[in-house]
């Protein structure tokens, strides 16, 4: 099965992963209501990092995807930051991407959500967060359905998500500039040189370029092993000479 995140709107999802039950509430470094665990670890609001009272690194949290109503991602993120115990959440965000869109006859750079209907949470206390989410009134329509489930990412999936905007810390896949060979019109499979941009960090996942729509397509596995095609923006700046 393959999903396509090329358009702004996401197709409906039929898979229903099980609720996260990886840790009992009240255990681990960041149990609900705790600021320090039995080993002296103290929660901090940093990017993917916690430190203990001695200044030593504490274990990085696990990454989970939370399915929400498309268009409500930022509202749910704000709700979680304002209403939940901050020691439960190392980070919560929704990855974005820059795209080249032809609007009114002109190419314009737009910023869009990369995975509409999902946000990503880094935490050491998933079940405590899960129980907090259950307190959200259903009338707010912030979660995908009444089950309030998490999708636990594999290590490879988490590494992919963390690469997006890693150098800047903004979780945004910025536009990449490419150049093409100049001795003939581009054909699928021809060599493309990435001049700069975030594609440089994802060369192994690129499956094709669509020059007419100014986008590249990268493929990865996400949400429990499903192949996902992700469209990201490119800009063609020049042509390159192939070595004779």
C-alpha atoms as a PDB file:
ATOM      1  CA  UNK A   1       0.000   0.000   0.000  1.00  0.00           C
ATOM      2  CA  UNK A   2       1.256   3.486  -0.802  1.00  0.00           C
ATOM      3  CA  UNK A   3       0.093   6.935   0.234  1.00  0.00           C
ATOM      4  CA  UNK A   4       0.701  10.124  -1.689  1.00  0.00           C
ATOM      5  CA  UNK A   5       1.322  13.396   0.123  1.00  0.00           C
ATOM      6  CA  UNK A   6       1.657  15.417  -3.069  1.00  0.00           C
ATOM      7  CA  UNK A   7      -1.556  17.377  -2.866  1.00  0.00           C
ATOM      8  CA  UNK A   8      -2.518  19.781  -0.118  1.00  0.00           C
ATOM      9  CA  UNK A   9      -5.363  17.585   1.086  1.00  0.00           C
ATOM     10  CA  UNK A  10      -4.729  14.037   2.355  1.00  0.00           C
ATOM     11  CA  UNK A  11      -6.827  11.051   1.361  1.00  0.00           C
ATOM     12  CA  UNK A  12      -8.852   9.470   4.149  1.00  0.00           C
ATOM     13  CA  UNK A  13      -6.993   6.885   6.191  1.00  0.00           C
ATOM     14  CA  UNK A  14      -8.559   3.549   6.969  1.00  0.00           C
ATOM     15  CA  UNK A  15      -5.808   1.967   9.061  1.00  0.00           C
ATOM     16  CA  UNK A  16      -6.447   2.055  12.768  1.00  0.00           C
ATOM     17  CA  UNK A  17      -3.233   1.500  14.751  1.00  0.00           C
ATOM     18  CA  UNK A  18      -3.611   0.336  18.302  1.00  0.00           C
ATOM     19  CA  UNK A  19      -3.506   2.746  21.190  1.00  0.00           C
ATOM     20  CA  UNK A  20      -0.017   3.254  22.579  1.00  0.00           C
ATOM     21  CA  UNK A  21       0.478   1.100  25.678  1.00  0.00           C
ATOM     22  CA  UNK A  22       4.249   1.043  25.842  1.00  0.00           C
ATOM     23  CA  UNK A  23       4.633   2.452  29.338  1.00  0.00           C
ATOM     24  CA  UNK A  24       2.547   2.420  32.490  1.00  0.00           C
ATOM     25  CA  UNK A  25       1.397   5.778  33.729  1.00  0.00           C
ATOM     26  CA  UNK A  26       3.627   6.987  36.565  1.00  0.00           C
ATOM     27  CA  UNK A  27       6.819   5.282  35.396  1.00  0.00           C
ATOM     28  CA  UNK A  28       9.931   6.560  33.658  1.00  0.00           C
ATOM     29  CA  UNK A  29      11.738   9.882  33.859  1.00  0.00           C
ATOM     30  CA  UNK A  30       8.741  12.061  33.067  1.00  0.00           C
ATOM     31  CA  UNK A  31       5.726  10.561  34.745  1.00  0.00           C
ATOM     32  CA  UNK A  32       2.641  12.707  35.049  1.00  0.00           C
ATOM     33  CA  UNK A  33       3.008  15.375  37.698  1.00  0.00           C
ATOM     34  CA  UNK A  34       6.737  14.844  38.204  1.00  0.00           C
ATOM     35  CA  UNK A  35       9.494  17.379  37.609  1.00  0.00           C
ATOM     36  CA  UNK A  36      12.263  15.061  38.822  1.00  0.00           C
ATOM     37  CA  UNK A  37      12.355  11.295  38.667  1.00  0.00           C
ATOM     38  CA  UNK A  38      13.911   8.977  41.195  1.00  0.00           C
ATOM     39  CA  UNK A  39      17.262   9.289  39.401  1.00  0.00           C
ATOM     40  CA  UNK A  40      17.344  13.072  39.533  1.00  0.00           C
ATOM     41  CA  UNK A  41      16.387  13.800  35.926  1.00  0.00           C
ATOM     42  CA  UNK A  42      14.733  17.141  35.409  1.00  0.00           C
ATOM     43  CA  UNK A  43      12.461  17.977  32.479  1.00  0.00           C
ATOM     44  CA  UNK A  44      13.385  20.876  30.206  1.00  0.00           C
ATOM     45  CA  UNK A  45      11.659  22.362  27.168  1.00  0.00           C
ATOM     46  CA  UNK A  46      14.402  21.775  24.598  1.00  0.00           C
ATOM     47  CA  UNK A  47      14.621  20.279  21.153  1.00  0.00           C
ATOM     48  CA  UNK A  48      14.993  16.497  21.460  1.00  0.00           C
ATOM     49  CA  UNK A  49      17.111  16.777  24.598  1.00  0.00           C
ATOM     50  CA  UNK A  50      16.612  16.511  28.329  1.00  0.00           C
ATOM     51  CA  UNK A  51      19.258  17.114  30.978  1.00  0.00           C
ATOM     52  CA  UNK A  52      19.607  15.897  34.534  1.00  0.00           C
ATOM     53  CA  UNK A  53      20.669  17.917  37.575  1.00  0.00           C
ATOM     54  CA  UNK A  54      24.324  17.157  36.815  1.00  0.00           C
ATOM     55  CA  UNK A  55      24.034  18.556  33.315  1.00  0.00           C
ATOM     56  CA  UNK A  56      24.233  15.118  31.720  1.00  0.00           C
ATOM     57  CA  UNK A  57      22.020  14.154  28.806  1.00  0.00           C
ATOM     58  CA  UNK A  58      18.871  12.212  29.618  1.00  0.00           C
ATOM     59  CA  UNK A  59      17.359   9.778  27.147  1.00  0.00           C
ATOM     60  CA  UNK A  60      15.781  11.334  24.090  1.00  0.00           C
ATOM     61  CA  UNK A  61      12.074  10.703  23.873  1.00  0.00           C
ATOM     62  CA  UNK A  62      10.317   8.455  21.408  1.00  0.00           C
ATOM     63  CA  UNK A  63       8.501  10.036  18.463  1.00  0.00           C
ATOM     64  CA  UNK A  64       4.788   9.424  17.893  1.00  0.00           C
ATOM     65  CA  UNK A  65       2.374  10.570  15.206  1.00  0.00           C
ATOM     66  CA  UNK A  66      -1.033  11.741  16.404  1.00  0.00           C
ATOM     67  CA  UNK A  67      -3.868  11.802  13.905  1.00  0.00           C
ATOM     68  CA  UNK A  68      -5.995  14.920  14.032  1.00  0.00           C
ATOM     69  CA  UNK A  69      -8.660  16.565  11.932  1.00  0.00           C
ATOM     70  CA  UNK A  70      -7.099  18.060   8.798  1.00  0.00           C
ATOM     71  CA  UNK A  71      -6.814  21.806   9.287  1.00  0.00           C
ATOM     72  CA  UNK A  72      -6.796  21.548  13.090  1.00  0.00           C
ATOM     73  CA  UNK A  73      -3.121  20.591  13.508  1.00  0.00           C
ATOM     74  CA  UNK A  74      -1.883  23.955  14.815  1.00  0.00           C
ATOM     75  CA  UNK A  75      -4.875  24.324  17.131  1.00  0.00           C
ATOM     76  CA  UNK A  76      -4.213  20.925  18.717  1.00  0.00           C
ATOM     77  CA  UNK A  77      -0.514  21.772  19.114  1.00  0.00           C
ATOM     78  CA  UNK A  78      -1.433  25.014  20.880  1.00  0.00           C
ATOM     79  CA  UNK A  79      -3.925  23.150  23.085  1.00  0.00           C
ATOM     80  CA  UNK A  80      -1.275  20.606  24.108  1.00  0.00           C
ATOM     81  CA  UNK A  81       1.307  23.285  24.901  1.00  0.00           C
ATOM     82  CA  UNK A  82      -1.131  25.295  26.981  1.00  0.00           C
ATOM     83  CA  UNK A  83      -3.052  22.548  28.776  1.00  0.00           C
ATOM     84  CA  UNK A  84      -0.576  19.711  29.336  1.00  0.00           C
ATOM     85  CA  UNK A  85       2.163  19.408  31.913  1.00  0.00           C
ATOM     86  CA  UNK A  86       5.217  20.736  30.035  1.00  0.00           C
ATOM     87  CA  UNK A  87       7.486  18.012  31.431  1.00  0.00           C
ATOM     88  CA  UNK A  88       5.505  15.468  29.413  1.00  0.00           C
ATOM     89  CA  UNK A  89       6.320  17.035  26.059  1.00  0.00           C
ATOM     90  CA  UNK A  90       9.845  17.350  24.749  1.00  0.00           C
ATOM     91  CA  UNK A  91       8.529  18.657  21.434  1.00  0.00           C
ATOM     92  CA  UNK A  92       5.311  18.737  19.412  1.00  0.00           C
ATOM     93  CA  UNK A  93       5.194  19.965  15.806  1.00  0.00           C
ATOM     94  CA  UNK A  94       3.864  19.424  12.303  1.00  0.00           C
ATOM     95  CA  UNK A  95       6.457  19.237   9.511  1.00  0.00           C
ATOM     96  CA  UNK A  96       6.025  21.702   6.651  1.00  0.00           C
ATOM     97  CA  UNK A  97       7.376  22.031   3.124  1.00  0.00           C
ATOM     98  CA  UNK A  98       7.967  24.824   0.645  1.00  0.00           C
ATOM     99  CA  UNK A  99       6.416  24.290  -2.783  1.00  0.00           C
ATOM    100  CA  UNK A 100       6.558  26.141  -6.082  1.00  0.00           C
ATOM    101  CA  UNK A 101       2.948  26.713  -7.139  1.00  0.00           C
ATOM    102  CA  UNK A 102       1.747  28.443 -10.290  1.00  0.00           C
ATOM    103  CA  UNK A 103      -0.809  30.976  -9.100  1.00  0.00           C
ATOM    104  CA  UNK A 104      -2.318  33.548 -11.437  1.00  0.00           C
ATOM    105  CA  UNK A 105       0.204  32.698 -14.140  1.00  0.00           C
ATOM    106  CA  UNK A 106       3.220  33.251 -11.871  1.00  0.00           C
ATOM    107  CA  UNK A 107       5.356  30.875  -9.825  1.00  0.00           C
ATOM    108  CA  UNK A 108       5.040  31.545  -6.116  1.00  0.00           C
ATOM    109  CA  UNK A 109       6.600  29.823  -3.102  1.00  0.00           C
ATOM    110  CA  UNK A 110       4.010  28.514  -0.658  1.00  0.00           C
ATOM    111  CA  UNK A 111       4.431  26.811   2.712  1.00  0.00           C
ATOM    112  CA  UNK A 112       2.209  23.796   3.326  1.00  0.00           C
ATOM    113  CA  UNK A 113       1.877  21.009   5.843  1.00  0.00           C
ATOM    114  CA  UNK A 114       3.836  17.964   4.722  1.00  0.00           C
ATOM    115  CA  UNK A 115       1.512  15.457   6.444  1.00  0.00           C
ATOM    116  CA  UNK A 116      -1.977  17.015   6.616  1.00  0.00           C
ATOM    117  CA  UNK A 117      -3.961  15.538   9.483  1.00  0.00           C
ATOM    118  CA  UNK A 118      -0.926  14.514  11.555  1.00  0.00           C
ATOM    119  CA  UNK A 119       1.262  16.078  14.200  1.00  0.00           C
ATOM    120  CA  UNK A 120       4.379  14.616  15.763  1.00  0.00           C
ATOM    121  CA  UNK A 121       5.180  14.345  19.449  1.00  0.00           C
ATOM    122  CA  UNK A 122       8.482  13.564  21.163  1.00  0.00           C
ATOM    123  CA  UNK A 123       7.953  12.279  24.691  1.00  0.00           C
ATOM    124  CA  UNK A 124       9.189   9.845  27.316  1.00  0.00           C
ATOM    125  CA  UNK A 125       5.677   9.507  28.782  1.00  0.00           C
ATOM    126  CA  UNK A 126       3.342   8.546  25.941  1.00  0.00           C
ATOM    127  CA  UNK A 127       0.588   7.102  28.074  1.00  0.00           C
ATOM    128  CA  UNK A 128       0.416  10.192  30.293  1.00  0.00           C
ATOM    129  CA  UNK A 129       0.004  12.302  27.145  1.00  0.00           C
ATOM    130  CA  UNK A 130      -2.567   9.825  25.864  1.00  0.00           C
ATOM    131  CA  UNK A 131      -4.643  10.195  29.028  1.00  0.00           C
ATOM    132  CA  UNK A 132      -4.401  13.993  28.793  1.00  0.00           C
ATOM    133  CA  UNK A 133      -5.665  13.902  25.208  1.00  0.00           C
ATOM    134  CA  UNK A 134      -8.704  11.934  26.344  1.00  0.00           C
ATOM    135  CA  UNK A 135      -9.748  14.992  28.346  1.00  0.00           C
ATOM    136  CA  UNK A 136     -10.181  17.109  25.209  1.00  0.00           C
ATOM    137  CA  UNK A 137     -13.930  17.738  24.740  1.00  0.00           C
ATOM    138  CA  UNK A 138     -15.236  15.901  21.669  1.00  0.00           C
ATOM    139  CA  UNK A 139     -17.019  19.046  20.512  1.00  0.00           C
ATOM    140  CA  UNK A 140     -13.654  20.665  19.778  1.00  0.00           C
ATOM    141  CA  UNK A 141     -13.195  18.170  16.918  1.00  0.00           C
ATOM    142  CA  UNK A 142      -9.406  18.219  17.301  1.00  0.00           C
ATOM    143  CA  UNK A 143      -8.714  14.479  17.170  1.00  0.00           C
ATOM    144  CA  UNK A 144      -9.378  12.131  14.286  1.00  0.00           C
ATOM    145  CA  UNK A 145     -11.923  10.000  16.131  1.00  0.00           C
ATOM    146  CA  UNK A 146     -12.961   8.909  19.590  1.00  0.00           C
ATOM    147  CA  UNK A 147     -10.067   6.462  20.022  1.00  0.00           C
ATOM    148  CA  UNK A 148      -7.379   9.139  20.468  1.00  0.00           C
ATOM    149  CA  UNK A 149      -4.652   6.789  19.314  1.00  0.00           C
ATOM    150  CA  UNK A 150      -0.941   7.305  18.726  1.00  0.00           C
ATOM    151  CA  UNK A 151       1.159   5.820  15.953  1.00  0.00           C
ATOM    152  CA  UNK A 152       4.555   4.842  17.314  1.00  0.00           C
ATOM    153  CA  UNK A 153       7.302   5.591  14.774  1.00  0.00           C
ATOM    154  CA  UNK A 154      10.117   3.155  14.126  1.00  0.00           C
ATOM    155  CA  UNK A 155      13.696   4.347  14.592  1.00  0.00           C
ATOM    156  CA  UNK A 156      14.034   4.814  10.807  1.00  0.00           C
ATOM    157  CA  UNK A 157      10.782   6.778  10.608  1.00  0.00           C
ATOM    158  CA  UNK A 158      11.824   8.987  13.518  1.00  0.00           C
ATOM    159  CA  UNK A 159      15.221   9.612  11.892  1.00  0.00           C
ATOM    160  CA  UNK A 160      13.476  10.690   8.680  1.00  0.00           C
ATOM    161  CA  UNK A 161      11.176  13.131  10.493  1.00  0.00           C
ATOM    162  CA  UNK A 162      14.074  14.561  12.509  1.00  0.00           C
ATOM    163  CA  UNK A 163      16.071  15.244   9.317  1.00  0.00           C
ATOM    164  CA  UNK A 164      13.448  17.700   8.065  1.00  0.00           C
ATOM    165  CA  UNK A 165      14.824  21.175   8.775  1.00  0.00           C
ATOM    166  CA  UNK A 166      17.327  19.710  11.231  1.00  0.00           C
ATOM    167  CA  UNK A 167      20.048  22.290  10.489  1.00  0.00           C
ATOM    168  CA  UNK A 168      17.635  25.140  11.255  1.00  0.00           C
ATOM    169  CA  UNK A 169      15.417  23.471  13.827  1.00  0.00           C
ATOM    170  CA  UNK A 170      12.258  24.600  12.034  1.00  0.00           C
ATOM    171  CA  UNK A 171      10.856  21.229  10.807  1.00  0.00           C
ATOM    172  CA  UNK A 172      10.364  22.747   7.345  1.00  0.00           C
ATOM    173  CA  UNK A 173      11.560  21.182   4.083  1.00  0.00           C
ATOM    174  CA  UNK A 174      12.889  24.241   2.266  1.00  0.00           C
ATOM    175  CA  UNK A 175      12.983  24.704  -1.510  1.00  0.00           C
ATOM    176  CA  UNK A 176      16.001  23.112  -3.217  1.00  0.00           C
ATOM    177  CA  UNK A 177      17.817  24.446  -6.275  1.00  0.00           C
ATOM    178  CA  UNK A 178      18.839  22.004  -9.021  1.00  0.00           C
ATOM    179  CA  UNK A 179      20.602  22.162 -12.379  1.00  0.00           C
ATOM    180  CA  UNK A 180      20.196  19.933 -15.443  1.00  0.00           C
ATOM    181  CA  UNK A 181      22.408  18.709 -18.276  1.00  0.00           C
ATOM    182  CA  UNK A 182      22.228  21.105 -21.240  1.00  0.00           C
ATOM    183  CA  UNK A 183      22.952  18.966 -24.282  1.00  0.00           C
ATOM    184  CA  UNK A 184      19.453  17.481 -24.521  1.00  0.00           C
ATOM    185  CA  UNK A 185      15.969  17.886 -23.022  1.00  0.00           C
ATOM    186  CA  UNK A 186      15.636  16.299 -19.606  1.00  0.00           C
ATOM    187  CA  UNK A 187      14.241  12.777 -19.491  1.00  0.00           C
ATOM    188  CA  UNK A 188      13.267  10.741 -16.467  1.00  0.00           C
ATOM    189  CA  UNK A 189      16.377   9.114 -15.050  1.00  0.00           C
ATOM    190  CA  UNK A 190      18.830  11.764 -16.280  1.00  0.00           C
ATOM    191  CA  UNK A 191      21.413  13.008 -13.834  1.00  0.00           C
ATOM    192  CA  UNK A 192      20.325  16.042 -11.811  1.00  0.00           C
ATOM    193  CA  UNK A 193      22.689  18.097  -9.704  1.00  0.00           C
ATOM    194  CA  UNK A 194      21.349  19.428  -6.408  1.00  0.00           C
ATOM    195  CA  UNK A 195      22.972  22.834  -5.935  1.00  0.00           C
ATOM    196  CA  UNK A 196      21.670  23.475  -2.438  1.00  0.00           C
ATOM    197  CA  UNK A 197      18.642  22.981  -0.240  1.00  0.00           C
ATOM    198  CA  UNK A 198      17.181  20.243   1.922  1.00  0.00           C
ATOM    199  CA  UNK A 199      17.116  17.634  -0.867  1.00  0.00           C
ATOM    200  CA  UNK A 200      20.840  17.198  -0.250  1.00  0.00           C
ATOM    201  CA  UNK A 201      19.928  15.365   2.953  1.00  0.00           C
ATOM    202  CA  UNK A 202      17.465  13.040   1.177  1.00  0.00           C
ATOM    203  CA  UNK A 203      19.275  11.926  -1.980  1.00  0.00           C
ATOM    204  CA  UNK A 204      18.715   8.272  -1.156  1.00  0.00           C
ATOM    205  CA  UNK A 205      14.935   8.724  -1.034  1.00  0.00           C
ATOM    206  CA  UNK A 206      14.445  10.640  -4.334  1.00  0.00           C
ATOM    207  CA  UNK A 207      12.496   8.574  -6.868  1.00  0.00           C
ATOM    208  CA  UNK A 208      11.780  11.168  -9.591  1.00  0.00           C
ATOM    209  CA  UNK A 209      11.577  14.827 -10.591  1.00  0.00           C
ATOM    210  CA  UNK A 210       8.566  16.551 -12.127  1.00  0.00           C
ATOM    211  CA  UNK A 211      10.107  19.599 -13.791  1.00  0.00           C
ATOM    212  CA  UNK A 212       6.842  20.878 -15.215  1.00  0.00           C
ATOM    213  CA  UNK A 213       5.406  21.182 -11.720  1.00  0.00           C
ATOM    214  CA  UNK A 214       8.785  22.063 -10.157  1.00  0.00           C
ATOM    215  CA  UNK A 215       8.821  19.345  -7.567  1.00  0.00           C
ATOM    216  CA  UNK A 216      10.776  16.285  -6.537  1.00  0.00           C
ATOM    217  CA  UNK A 217       9.204  13.126  -5.159  1.00  0.00           C
ATOM    218  CA  UNK A 218      10.826  11.286  -2.291  1.00  0.00           C
ATOM    219  CA  UNK A 219       9.648   7.946  -0.946  1.00  0.00           C
ATOM    220  CA  UNK A 220       9.913   6.664   2.588  1.00  0.00           C
ATOM    221  CA  UNK A 221       8.120   4.327   4.948  1.00  0.00           C
ATOM    222  CA  UNK A 222       5.902   5.898   7.545  1.00  0.00           C
ATOM    223  CA  UNK A 223       2.978   5.121   9.855  1.00  0.00           C
ATOM    224  CA  UNK A 224       3.678   1.452  10.398  1.00  0.00           C
ATOM    225  CA  UNK A 225       5.566   0.491   7.257  1.00  0.00           C
ATOM    226  CA  UNK A 226       3.368   2.123   4.606  1.00  0.00           C
ATOM    227  CA  UNK A 227       5.209   3.482   1.564  1.00  0.00           C
ATOM    228  CA  UNK A 228       4.634   7.240   1.421  1.00  0.00           C
ATOM    229  CA  UNK A 229       5.405   9.483  -1.555  1.00  0.00           C
ATOM    230  CA  UNK A 230       6.165  13.061  -0.490  1.00  0.00           C
ATOM    231  CA  UNK A 231       6.301  15.940  -2.972  1.00  0.00           C
ATOM    232  CA  UNK A 232       8.752  18.770  -2.211  1.00  0.00           C
ATOM    233  CA  UNK A 233       9.531  21.973  -4.072  1.00  0.00           C
ATOM    234  CA  UNK A 234      12.471  22.599  -6.402  1.00  0.00           C
ATOM    235  CA  UNK A 235      13.785  25.532  -8.398  1.00  0.00           C
ATOM    236  CA  UNK A 236      15.703  25.059 -11.658  1.00  0.00           C
ATOM    237  CA  UNK A 237      18.480  27.654 -11.735  1.00  0.00           C
ATOM    238  CA  UNK A 238      20.783  26.611 -14.593  1.00  0.00           C
ATOM    239  CA  UNK A 239      21.877  23.798 -16.839  1.00  0.00           C
ATOM    240  CA  UNK A 240      25.103  21.907 -16.391  1.00  0.00           C
ATOM    241  CA  UNK A 241      27.547  20.457 -18.913  1.00  0.00           C
ATOM    242  CA  UNK A 242      28.177  16.753 -18.724  1.00  0.00           C
ATOM    243  CA  UNK A 243      31.841  15.775 -18.871  1.00  0.00           C
ATOM    244  CA  UNK A 244      32.776  14.580 -22.351  1.00  0.00           C
END
